[in-house]
Amino acid sequence: MGDVFKAMASEPRRRILNHLAAGPMTVGEVAEKFDMTLPSISKHLSVLKEAGLVREQKRGQFVLYSLAADNLANTLYGFLTPFCPDARRISAARKRELDKK
């Protein structure tokens, strides 16, 4: 859980997650949204991937990055569950749905 919060502590990484919420993107497509070098974007994507917040998929010569929404949601609900009755209810419902699969 610490890796997730450490990754999300960076504003550029939160902005990258926001852009990826719209759909998969290449490093170049992400970089177009920022005034940052391609290596910097790649580093941010690497941190997000290591934290389990994004996935990468090879498509020919390109790598597509996409949001790992379930990992993000599960981590956040896991953090909130002890403090928030709504989070406990939602976590329980999500667990029941996963158990059905």
C-alpha atoms as a PDB file:
ATOM      1  CA  MET A   1       0.000   0.000   0.000  1.00  0.00           C
ATOM      2  CA  GLY A   2       2.905   2.335   0.723  1.00  0.00           C
ATOM      3  CA  ASP A   3       4.126   2.115  -2.879  1.00  0.00           C
ATOM      4  CA  VAL A   4       0.710   3.219  -4.125  1.00  0.00           C
ATOM      5  CA  PHE A   5       0.583   6.280  -1.902  1.00  0.00           C
ATOM      6  CA  LYS A   6       4.199   7.123  -2.669  1.00  0.00           C
ATOM      7  CA  ALA A   7       3.439   6.935  -6.398  1.00  0.00           C
ATOM      8  CA  MET A   8       0.315   9.044  -5.996  1.00  0.00           C
ATOM      9  CA  ALA A   9       2.151  11.700  -3.980  1.00  0.00           C
ATOM     10  CA  SER A  10       3.453  13.161  -7.230  1.00  0.00           C
ATOM     11  CA  GLU A  11       1.171  15.594  -9.073  1.00  0.00           C
ATOM     12  CA  PRO A  12       2.483  14.583 -12.525  1.00  0.00           C
ATOM     13  CA  ARG A  13       1.754  10.933 -11.742  1.00  0.00           C
ATOM     14  CA  ARG A  14      -1.772  11.762 -10.593  1.00  0.00           C
ATOM     15  CA  ARG A  15      -2.254  13.688 -13.842  1.00  0.00           C
ATOM     16  CA  ILE A  16      -0.959  10.698 -15.828  1.00  0.00           C
ATOM     17  CA  LEU A  17      -3.492   8.457 -14.061  1.00  0.00           C
ATOM     18  CA  ASN A  18      -6.199  10.942 -14.948  1.00  0.00           C
ATOM     19  CA  HIS A  19      -5.228  10.880 -18.635  1.00  0.00           C
ATOM     20  CA  LEU A  20      -5.039   7.073 -18.658  1.00  0.00           C
ATOM     21  CA  ALA A  21      -8.549   6.902 -17.209  1.00  0.00           C
ATOM     22  CA  ALA A  22      -9.739   7.947 -20.686  1.00  0.00           C
ATOM     23  CA  GLY A  23      -8.048   4.931 -22.278  1.00  0.00           C
ATOM     24  CA  PRO A  24      -4.704   3.334 -23.113  1.00  0.00           C
ATOM     25  CA  MET A  25      -1.902   5.594 -24.339  1.00  0.00           C
ATOM     26  CA  THR A  26       1.686   5.293 -25.525  1.00  0.00           C
ATOM     27  CA  VAL A  27       4.498   7.149 -23.765  1.00  0.00           C
ATOM     28  CA  GLY A  28       4.494   9.665 -26.622  1.00  0.00           C
ATOM     29  CA  GLU A  29       0.760  10.289 -26.280  1.00  0.00           C
ATOM     30  CA  VAL A  30       1.140  10.837 -22.557  1.00  0.00           C
ATOM     31  CA  ALA A  31       4.130  13.131 -23.139  1.00  0.00           C
ATOM     32  CA  GLU A  32       2.049  15.326 -25.476  1.00  0.00           C
ATOM     33  CA  LYS A  33      -0.077  16.253 -22.453  1.00  0.00           C
ATOM     34  CA  PHE A  34       2.928  17.521 -20.456  1.00  0.00           C
ATOM     35  CA  ASP A  35       5.772  19.975 -20.714  1.00  0.00           C
ATOM     36  CA  MET A  36       8.219  17.226 -19.770  1.00  0.00           C
ATOM     37  CA  THR A  37      10.833  15.115 -21.526  1.00  0.00           C
ATOM     38  CA  LEU A  38      10.038  11.615 -22.741  1.00  0.00           C
ATOM     39  CA  PRO A  39      12.520  10.052 -20.252  1.00  0.00           C
ATOM     40  CA  SER A  40      10.779  11.876 -17.379  1.00  0.00           C
ATOM     41  CA  ILE A  41       7.380  10.577 -18.489  1.00  0.00           C
ATOM     42  CA  SER A  42       8.848   7.080 -18.824  1.00  0.00           C
ATOM     43  CA  LYS A  43      10.203   7.289 -15.267  1.00  0.00           C
ATOM     44  CA  HIS A  44       6.814   8.377 -13.909  1.00  0.00           C
ATOM     45  CA  LEU A  45       5.116   5.524 -15.797  1.00  0.00           C
ATOM     46  CA  SER A  46       7.680   3.098 -14.385  1.00  0.00           C
ATOM     47  CA  VAL A  47       6.921   4.211 -10.820  1.00  0.00           C
ATOM     48  CA  LEU A  48       3.179   3.846 -11.481  1.00  0.00           C
ATOM     49  CA  LYS A  49       3.717   0.387 -12.983  1.00  0.00           C
ATOM     50  CA  GLU A  50       5.851  -0.760 -10.032  1.00  0.00           C
ATOM     51  CA  ALA A  51       3.091   0.407  -7.681  1.00  0.00           C
ATOM     52  CA  GLY A  52       0.563  -1.653  -9.661  1.00  0.00           C
ATOM     53  CA  LEU A  53      -1.412   1.377 -10.813  1.00  0.00           C
ATOM     54  CA  VAL A  54      -0.785   1.006 -14.557  1.00  0.00           C
ATOM     55  CA  ARG A  55      -0.319  -1.929 -16.905  1.00  0.00           C
ATOM     56  CA  GLU A  56       1.738  -2.072 -20.046  1.00  0.00           C
ATOM     57  CA  GLN A  57       1.020  -4.055 -23.176  1.00  0.00           C
ATOM     58  CA  LYS A  58       3.275  -4.442 -26.205  1.00  0.00           C
ATOM     59  CA  ARG A  59       1.585  -3.582 -29.504  1.00  0.00           C
ATOM     60  CA  GLY A  60       4.097  -4.041 -32.283  1.00  0.00           C
ATOM     61  CA  GLN A  61       6.823  -1.474 -31.725  1.00  0.00           C
ATOM     62  CA  PHE A  62       4.735   0.480 -29.211  1.00  0.00           C
ATOM     63  CA  VAL A  63       3.949  -0.050 -25.551  1.00  0.00           C
ATOM     64  CA  LEU A  64       0.449   0.924 -24.451  1.00  0.00           C
ATOM     65  CA  TYR A  65      -0.098   1.981 -20.867  1.00  0.00           C
ATOM     66  CA  SER A  66      -3.489   1.629 -19.240  1.00  0.00           C
ATOM     67  CA  LEU A  67      -4.950   2.301 -15.833  1.00  0.00           C
ATOM     68  CA  ALA A  68      -5.057  -0.678 -13.446  1.00  0.00           C
ATOM     69  CA  ALA A  69      -8.313   0.632 -12.000  1.00  0.00           C
ATOM     70  CA  ASP A  70      -9.094  -2.446  -9.876  1.00  0.00           C
ATOM     71  CA  ASN A  71      -5.712  -2.306  -8.140  1.00  0.00           C
ATOM     72  CA  LEU A  72      -6.147   1.387  -7.426  1.00  0.00           C
ATOM     73  CA  ALA A  73      -9.693   0.968  -6.130  1.00  0.00           C
ATOM     74  CA  ASN A  74      -8.832  -2.066  -4.001  1.00  0.00           C
ATOM     75  CA  THR A  75      -5.889  -0.260  -2.419  1.00  0.00           C
ATOM     76  CA  LEU A  76      -7.910   2.848  -1.658  1.00  0.00           C
ATOM     77  CA  TYR A  77     -10.856   0.889  -0.263  1.00  0.00           C
ATOM     78  CA  GLY A  78      -8.438  -1.210   1.780  1.00  0.00           C
ATOM     79  CA  PHE A  79      -6.988   1.961   3.269  1.00  0.00           C
ATOM     80  CA  LEU A  80     -10.390   3.541   3.948  1.00  0.00           C
ATOM     81  CA  THR A  81     -12.177   0.454   5.314  1.00  0.00           C
ATOM     82  CA  PRO A  82     -11.095   0.909   8.955  1.00  0.00           C
ATOM     83  CA  PHE A  83     -12.193   4.542   8.972  1.00  0.00           C
ATOM     84  CA  CYS A  84     -15.242   4.757   6.733  1.00  0.00           C
ATOM     85  CA  PRO A  85     -18.480   2.753   6.966  1.00  0.00           C
ATOM     86  CA  ASP A  86     -19.239   3.394   3.273  1.00  0.00           C
ATOM     87  CA  ALA A  87     -15.853   1.994   2.283  1.00  0.00           C
ATOM     88  CA  ARG A  88     -16.527  -1.137   4.386  1.00  0.00           C
ATOM     89  CA  ARG A  89     -19.855  -1.630   2.632  1.00  0.00           C
ATOM     90  CA  ILE A  90     -18.349  -1.127  -0.819  1.00  0.00           C
ATOM     91  CA  SER A  91     -15.375  -3.385  -0.055  1.00  0.00           C
ATOM     92  CA  ALA A  92     -17.705  -6.150   1.115  1.00  0.00           C
ATOM     93  CA  ALA A  93     -19.835  -5.810  -2.025  1.00  0.00           C
ATOM     94  CA  ARG A  94     -16.735  -5.880  -4.265  1.00  0.00           C
ATOM     95  CA  LYS A  95     -15.488  -9.000  -2.466  1.00  0.00           C
ATOM     96  CA  ARG A  96     -18.845 -10.744  -2.942  1.00  0.00           C
ATOM     97  CA  GLU A  97     -18.721  -9.912  -6.682  1.00  0.00           C
ATOM     98  CA  LEU A  98     -15.189 -11.296  -6.981  1.00  0.00           C
ATOM     99  CA  ASP A  99     -16.174 -14.452  -5.113  1.00  0.00           C
ATOM    100  CA  LYS A 100     -18.960 -15.064  -7.667  1.00  0.00           C
ATOM    101  CA  LYS A 101     -16.466 -15.099 -10.549  1.00  0.00           C
END
